[in-house]
PDB file of N, CA and C in Angstrom:
ATOM      1  N   MET A   1     118.324  54.322  -4.434  1.00  0.00           N
ATOM      2  CA  MET A   1     118.244  54.757  -5.915  1.00  0.00           C
ATOM      3  C   MET A   1     117.121  55.180  -6.286  1.00  0.00           C
ATOM      4  N   PRO A   2     116.678  56.025  -7.034  1.00  0.00           N
ATOM      5  CA  PRO A   2     115.383  56.898  -7.162  1.00  0.00           C
ATOM      6  C   PRO A   2     115.152  55.669  -8.368  1.00  0.00           C
ATOM      7  N   LYS A   3     113.872  56.214  -8.343  1.00  0.00           N
ATOM      8  CA  LYS A   3     112.461  55.238  -8.990  1.00  0.00           C
ATOM      9  C   LYS A   3     113.051  55.526 -10.402  1.00  0.00           C
ATOM     10  N   MET A   4     112.519  54.698 -11.246  1.00  0.00           N
ATOM     11  CA  MET A   4     112.919  54.785 -13.103  1.00  0.00           C
ATOM     12  C   MET A   4     111.374  55.503 -13.143  1.00  0.00           C
ATOM     13  N   LYS A   5     111.733  56.222 -14.600  1.00  0.00           N
ATOM     14  CA  LYS A   5     110.732  57.564 -14.851  1.00  0.00           C
ATOM     15  C   LYS A   5     110.016  56.724 -16.262  1.00  0.00           C
ATOM     16  N   THR A   6     108.592  56.928 -16.182  1.00  0.00           N
ATOM     17  CA  THR A   6     107.872  56.703 -17.136  1.00  0.00           C
ATOM     18  C   THR A   6     107.298  57.422 -17.983  1.00  0.00           C
ATOM     19  N   ARG A   7     107.880  57.280 -19.466  1.00  0.00           N
ATOM     20  CA  ARG A   7     107.757  58.635 -20.771  1.00  0.00           C
ATOM     21  C   ARG A   7     106.523  58.441 -20.837  1.00  0.00           C
ATOM     22  N   LYS A   8     106.187  59.543 -20.295  1.00  0.00           N
ATOM     23  CA  LYS A   8     104.701  59.765 -20.575  1.00  0.00           C
ATOM     24  C   LYS A   8     104.011  60.060 -22.191  1.00  0.00           C
ATOM     25  N   SER A   9     105.011  60.297 -22.848  1.00  0.00           N
ATOM     26  CA  SER A   9     104.235  60.304 -24.432  1.00  0.00           C
ATOM     27  C   SER A   9     104.158  58.901 -24.775  1.00  0.00           C
ATOM     28  N   ALA A  10     105.369  57.864 -24.477  1.00  0.00           N
ATOM     29  CA  ALA A  10     104.750  56.466 -24.577  1.00  0.00           C
ATOM     30  C   ALA A  10     103.384  55.835 -24.167  1.00  0.00           C
ATOM     31  N   ALA A  11     103.601  56.403 -23.052  1.00  0.00           N
ATOM     32  CA  ALA A  11     102.270  55.865 -22.389  1.00  0.00           C
ATOM     33  C   ALA A  11     100.861  55.958 -22.618  1.00  0.00           C
ATOM     34  N   LYS A  12     100.921  56.909 -23.632  1.00  0.00           N
ATOM     35  CA  LYS A  12      99.755  57.426 -24.307  1.00  0.00           C
ATOM     36  C   LYS A  12      99.788  56.758 -25.666  1.00  0.00           C
ATOM     37  N   ARG A  13     100.710  56.009 -25.705  1.00  0.00           N
ATOM     38  CA  ARG A  13     100.548  55.515 -27.179  1.00  0.00           C
ATOM     39  C   ARG A  13     100.405  54.280 -27.364  1.00  0.00           C
ATOM     40  N   PHE A  14     100.839  53.792 -26.578  1.00  0.00           N
ATOM     41  CA  PHE A  14     100.834  51.915 -26.289  1.00  0.00           C
ATOM     42  C   PHE A  14      99.722  51.193 -25.186  1.00  0.00           C
ATOM     43  N   ARG A  15      98.866  50.349 -25.346  1.00  0.00           N
ATOM     44  CA  ARG A  15      97.936  49.578 -24.226  1.00  0.00           C
ATOM     45  C   ARG A  15      98.647  48.209 -24.430  1.00  0.00           C
ATOM     46  N   LEU A  16      98.006  47.293 -23.129  1.00  0.00           N
ATOM     47  CA  LEU A  16      98.287  46.221 -22.712  1.00  0.00           C
ATOM     48  C   LEU A  16      96.914  45.555 -22.982  1.00  0.00           C
ATOM     49  N   THR A  17      97.685  44.672 -23.936  1.00  0.00           N
ATOM     50  CA  THR A  17      96.309  43.597 -23.653  1.00  0.00           C
ATOM     51  C   THR A  17      96.530  42.344 -22.587  1.00  0.00           C
ATOM     52  N   GLY A  18      95.326  41.331 -22.905  1.00  0.00           N
ATOM     53  CA  GLY A  18      95.245  40.617 -21.441  1.00  0.00           C
ATOM     54  C   GLY A  18      96.638  39.574 -21.433  1.00  0.00           C
ATOM     55  N   SER A  19      96.934  39.248 -22.851  1.00  0.00           N
ATOM     56  CA  SER A  19      97.976  38.384 -22.907  1.00  0.00           C
ATOM     57  C   SER A  19      99.327  39.003 -22.908  1.00  0.00           C
ATOM     58  N   GLY A  20      99.404  40.297 -22.840  1.00  0.00           N
ATOM     59  CA  GLY A  20     100.806  40.975 -22.417  1.00  0.00           C
ATOM     60  C   GLY A  20     101.749  41.322 -23.124  1.00  0.00           C
ATOM     61  N   LYS A  21     100.997  41.430 -24.831  1.00  0.00           N
ATOM     62  CA  LYS A  21     101.368  42.201 -25.976  1.00  0.00           C
ATOM     63  C   LYS A  21     100.804  43.497 -26.188  1.00  0.00           C
ATOM     64  N   LEU A  22     101.734  44.427 -26.504  1.00  0.00           N
ATOM     65  CA  LEU A  22     101.900  45.520 -26.798  1.00  0.00           C
ATOM     66  C   LEU A  22     100.945  46.266 -27.536  1.00  0.00           C
ATOM     67  N   VAL A  23      99.948  47.112 -27.787  1.00  0.00           N
ATOM     68  CA  VAL A  23      99.295  47.653 -29.041  1.00  0.00           C
ATOM     69  C   VAL A  23      99.293  48.906 -29.062  1.00  0.00           C
ATOM     70  N   ARG A  24      99.456  49.646 -30.545  1.00  0.00           N
ATOM     71  CA  ARG A  24     100.074  50.803 -30.992  1.00  0.00           C
ATOM     72  C   ARG A  24      98.330  50.852 -32.535  1.00  0.00           C
ATOM     73  N   ARG A  25      98.488  52.016 -32.194  1.00  0.00           N
ATOM     74  CA  ARG A  25      97.267  52.615 -33.327  1.00  0.00           C
ATOM     75  C   ARG A  25      98.313  52.849 -34.799  1.00  0.00           C
ATOM     76  N   CYS A  26      97.743  52.496 -35.700  1.00  0.00           N
ATOM     77  CA  CYS A  26      98.458  52.502 -36.860  1.00  0.00           C
ATOM     78  C   CYS A  26      98.718  53.970 -37.305  1.00  0.00           C
ATOM     79  N   ALA A  27     100.339  53.956 -38.478  1.00  0.00           N
ATOM     80  CA  ALA A  27     100.334  55.480 -38.696  1.00  0.00           C
ATOM     81  C   ALA A  27      99.666  55.778 -39.967  1.00  0.00           C
ATOM     82  N   PHE A  28      99.876  56.911 -40.346  1.00  0.00           N
ATOM     83  CA  PHE A  28      99.352  57.811 -41.082  1.00  0.00           C
ATOM     84  C   PHE A  28      97.659  58.105 -41.635  1.00  0.00           C
ATOM     85  N   GLY A  29      96.858  58.137 -40.594  1.00  0.00           N
ATOM     86  CA  GLY A  29      95.212  57.516 -40.637  1.00  0.00           C
ATOM     87  C   GLY A  29      94.516  58.652 -39.811  1.00  0.00           C
ATOM     88  N   LYS A  30      95.418  59.911 -39.626  1.00  0.00           N
ATOM     89  CA  LYS A  30      94.476  60.415 -38.894  1.00  0.00           C
ATOM     90  C   LYS A  30      94.234  62.166 -40.109  1.00  0.00           C
ATOM     91  N   HIS A  31      95.165  62.399 -41.221  1.00  0.00           N
ATOM     92  CA  HIS A  31      94.718  63.770 -41.738  1.00  0.00           C
ATOM     93  C   HIS A  31      95.276  63.372 -43.160  1.00  0.00           C
ATOM     94  N   LEU A  32      94.999  64.429 -43.743  1.00  0.00           N
ATOM     95  CA  LEU A  32      95.580  64.251 -45.358  1.00  0.00           C
ATOM     96  C   LEU A  32      95.051  62.714 -46.281  1.00  0.00           C
ATOM     97  N   LEU A  33      93.755  62.616 -45.822  1.00  0.00           N
ATOM     98  CA  LEU A  33      93.177  61.452 -46.327  1.00  0.00           C
ATOM     99  C   LEU A  33      92.258  61.275 -47.430  1.00  0.00           C
ATOM    100  N   VAL A  34      92.300  62.540 -48.418  1.00  0.00           N
ATOM    101  CA  VAL A  34      92.009  62.751 -49.365  1.00  0.00           C
ATOM    102  C   VAL A  34      92.873  62.088 -50.513  1.00  0.00           C
ATOM    103  N   ASN A  35      94.165  62.279 -50.177  1.00  0.00           N
ATOM    104  CA  ASN A  35      94.997  61.585 -51.371  1.00  0.00           C
ATOM    105  C   ASN A  35      95.137  60.213 -50.788  1.00  0.00           C
ATOM    106  N   LYS A  36      94.236  59.730 -49.883  1.00  0.00           N
ATOM    107  CA  LYS A  36      95.175  58.092 -49.703  1.00  0.00           C
ATOM    108  C   LYS A  36      93.918  57.196 -50.563  1.00  0.00           C
ATOM    109  N   GLY A  37      93.586  55.838 -50.656  1.00  0.00           N
ATOM    110  CA  GLY A  37      93.208  55.248 -51.383  1.00  0.00           C
ATOM    111  C   GLY A  37      91.765  54.203 -50.247  1.00  0.00           C
ATOM    112  N   SER A  38      90.902  54.277 -50.528  1.00  0.00           N
ATOM    113  CA  SER A  38      89.825  53.692 -49.524  1.00  0.00           C
ATOM    114  C   SER A  38      90.726  52.210 -49.206  1.00  0.00           C
ATOM    115  N   SER A  39      91.394  51.606 -49.495  1.00  0.00           N
ATOM    116  CA  SER A  39      91.673  50.437 -48.898  1.00  0.00           C
ATOM    117  C   SER A  39      93.025  50.914 -47.938  1.00  0.00           C
ATOM    118  N   ARG A  40      93.900  51.565 -48.231  1.00  0.00           N
ATOM    119  CA  ARG A  40      94.765  52.116 -47.059  1.00  0.00           C
ATOM    120  C   ARG A  40      94.149  52.123 -46.021  1.00  0.00           C
ATOM    121  N   LYS A  41      93.447  53.614 -46.381  1.00  0.00           N
ATOM    122  CA  LYS A  41      92.598  53.973 -45.002  1.00  0.00           C
ATOM    123  C   LYS A  41      91.662  53.067 -44.332  1.00  0.00           C
ATOM    124  N   ARG A  42      91.309  52.141 -44.911  1.00  0.00           N
ATOM    125  CA  ARG A  42      90.927  50.977 -43.956  1.00  0.00           C
ATOM    126  C   ARG A  42      92.198  50.126 -43.362  1.00  0.00           C
ATOM    127  N   ARG A  43      92.637  49.999 -43.830  1.00  0.00           N
ATOM    128  CA  ARG A  43      94.151  49.236 -43.351  1.00  0.00           C
ATOM    129  C   ARG A  43      94.862  50.262 -42.109  1.00  0.00           C
ATOM    130  N   VAL A  44      94.527  51.269 -41.974  1.00  0.00           N
ATOM    131  CA  VAL A  44      95.398  52.350 -40.910  1.00  0.00           C
ATOM    132  C   VAL A  44      94.415  52.924 -39.739  1.00  0.00           C
ATOM    133  N   LYS A  45      93.226  51.890 -40.189  1.00  0.00           N
ATOM    134  CA  LYS A  45      91.512  52.313 -38.860  1.00  0.00           C
ATOM    135  C   LYS A  45      92.066  52.062 -37.320  1.00  0.00           C
ATOM    136  N   GLY A  46      92.391  50.379 -37.880  1.00  0.00           N
ATOM    137  CA  GLY A  46      92.634  49.805 -36.459  1.00  0.00           C
ATOM    138  C   GLY A  46      94.024  50.114 -35.788  1.00  0.00           C
ATOM    139  N   SER A  47      94.278  49.075 -34.948  1.00  0.00           N
ATOM    140  CA  SER A  47      95.200  49.259 -34.090  1.00  0.00           C
ATOM    141  C   SER A  47      96.801  47.660 -34.547  1.00  0.00           C
ATOM    142  N   SER A  48      97.669  47.836 -34.265  1.00  0.00           N
ATOM    143  CA  SER A  48      98.506  46.705 -34.478  1.00  0.00           C
ATOM    144  C   SER A  48      99.059  46.481 -32.915  1.00  0.00           C
ATOM    145  N   VAL A  49     100.056  45.368 -33.422  1.00  0.00           N
ATOM    146  CA  VAL A  49     100.513  44.954 -32.257  1.00  0.00           C
ATOM    147  C   VAL A  49     102.178  45.371 -32.910  1.00  0.00           C
ATOM    148  N   VAL A  50     102.554  45.415 -31.252  1.00  0.00           N
ATOM    149  CA  VAL A  50     104.195  46.141 -31.814  1.00  0.00           C
ATOM    150  C   VAL A  50     104.918  44.899 -31.848  1.00  0.00           C
ATOM    151  N   HIS A  51     105.935  45.441 -33.065  1.00  0.00           N
ATOM    152  CA  HIS A  51     106.975  43.887 -33.678  1.00  0.00           C
ATOM    153  C   HIS A  51     107.601  43.427 -32.100  1.00  0.00           C
ATOM    154  N   SER A  52     108.370  42.537 -32.536  1.00  0.00           N
ATOM    155  CA  SER A  52     109.188  41.806 -31.528  1.00  0.00           C
ATOM    156  C   SER A  52     110.354  42.463 -31.571  1.00  0.00           C
ATOM    157  N   SER A  53     111.190  43.273 -32.871  1.00  0.00           N
ATOM    158  CA  SER A  53     112.159  43.774 -32.225  1.00  0.00           C
ATOM    159  C   SER A  53     112.243  44.874 -31.838  1.00  0.00           C
ATOM    160  N   ASP A  54     110.722  45.958 -31.907  1.00  0.00           N
ATOM    161  CA  ASP A  54     110.796  47.107 -30.959  1.00  0.00           C
ATOM    162  C   ASP A  54     110.307  46.762 -29.565  1.00  0.00           C
ATOM    163  N   MET A  55     110.175  45.380 -29.322  1.00  0.00           N
ATOM    164  CA  MET A  55     109.731  45.526 -27.774  1.00  0.00           C
ATOM    165  C   MET A  55     110.947  45.892 -26.879  1.00  0.00           C
ATOM    166  N   ALA A  56     111.925  45.750 -27.027  1.00  0.00           N
ATOM    167  CA  ALA A  56     113.027  46.468 -26.115  1.00  0.00           C
ATOM    168  C   ALA A  56     112.662  47.994 -26.399  1.00  0.00           C
ATOM    169  N   ARG A  57     112.784  48.768 -27.091  1.00  0.00           N
ATOM    170  CA  ARG A  57     112.791  50.066 -26.860  1.00  0.00           C
ATOM    171  C   ARG A  57     111.402  50.318 -26.244  1.00  0.00           C
ATOM    172  N   VAL A  58     110.286  50.167 -26.435  1.00  0.00           N
ATOM    173  CA  VAL A  58     108.860  50.424 -26.036  1.00  0.00           C
ATOM    174  C   VAL A  58     109.063  50.204 -24.201  1.00  0.00           C
ATOM    175  N   ARG A  59     110.120  48.669 -23.905  1.00  0.00           N
ATOM    176  CA  ARG A  59     109.844  48.169 -22.660  1.00  0.00           C
ATOM    177  C   ARG A  59     110.664  49.375 -21.910  1.00  0.00           C
ATOM    178  N   ALA A  60     111.631  49.545 -22.056  1.00  0.00           N
ATOM    179  CA  ALA A  60     112.648  50.751 -21.840  1.00  0.00           C
ATOM    180  C   ALA A  60     111.561  51.818 -21.368  1.00  0.00           C
ATOM    181  N   GLN A  61     110.812  52.455 -22.291  1.00  0.00           N
ATOM    182  CA  GLN A  61     109.911  53.835 -21.544  1.00  0.00           C
ATOM    183  C   GLN A  61     109.049  53.424 -21.146  1.00  0.00           C
ATOM    184  N   LEU A  62     108.722  51.926 -20.863  1.00  0.00           N
ATOM    185  CA  LEU A  62     107.471  51.764 -20.193  1.00  0.00           C
ATOM    186  C   LEU A  62     108.043  50.766 -18.547  1.00  0.00           C
ATOM    187  N   PRO A  63     108.924  51.482 -17.660  1.00  0.00           N
ATOM    188  CA  PRO A  63     109.237  50.706 -17.375  1.00  0.00           C
ATOM    189  C   PRO A  63     108.101  49.929 -16.256  1.00  0.00           C
ATOM    190  N   TYR A  64     107.127  50.259 -15.484  1.00  0.00           N
ATOM    191  CA  TYR A  64     106.362  49.583 -14.823  1.00  0.00           C
ATOM    192  C   TYR A  64     104.694  49.498 -16.055  1.00  0.00           C
ATOM    193  N   MET A  65     105.193  49.316 -16.811  1.00  0.00           N
ATOM    194  CA  MET A  65     103.967  48.337 -17.894  1.00  0.00           C
ATOM    195  C   MET A  65     103.954  46.989 -17.240  1.00  0.00           C
ATOM    196  N   GLY A  66     102.698  46.516 -16.980  1.00  0.00           N
ATOM    197  CA  GLY A  66     102.970  44.768 -16.786  1.00  0.00           C
ATOM    198  C   GLY A  66     103.268  44.030 -17.587  1.00  0.00           C
ATOM    199  N   TYR A  67     103.970  43.997 -18.885  1.00  0.00           N
ATOM    200  CA  TYR A  67     103.958  43.309 -19.677  1.00  0.00           C
ATOM    201  C   TYR A  67     104.727  42.122 -18.565  1.00  0.00           C
ATOM    202  N   LEU A  68     104.405  40.977 -19.837  1.00  0.00           N
ATOM    203  CA  LEU A  68     105.040  39.479 -19.582  1.00  0.00           C
ATOM    204  C   LEU A  68     106.930  40.164 -20.144  1.00  0.00           C
ATOM    205  N   LYS A  69     107.579  39.216 -19.188  1.00  0.00           N
ATOM    206  CA  LYS A  69     109.036  39.193 -19.863  1.00  0.00           C
ATOM    207  C   LYS A  69     108.838  38.027 -20.493  1.00  0.00           C
TER     208      LYS A  69
END
């Protein structure tokens, strides 16, 4: 049986925390920032944890990430 492949685009977008959570960057914060308010820009500056309903899809794309099951 061949090895499962990692989706490289997903591997670049997600990082694993020490407790096993997946962290992602918030969307809508890279360009066209003139049209967005300052509070909205502050909110999307950081990172956030992947929601539990999306974890199954992310895990399927990253089979060798050392997350907790």
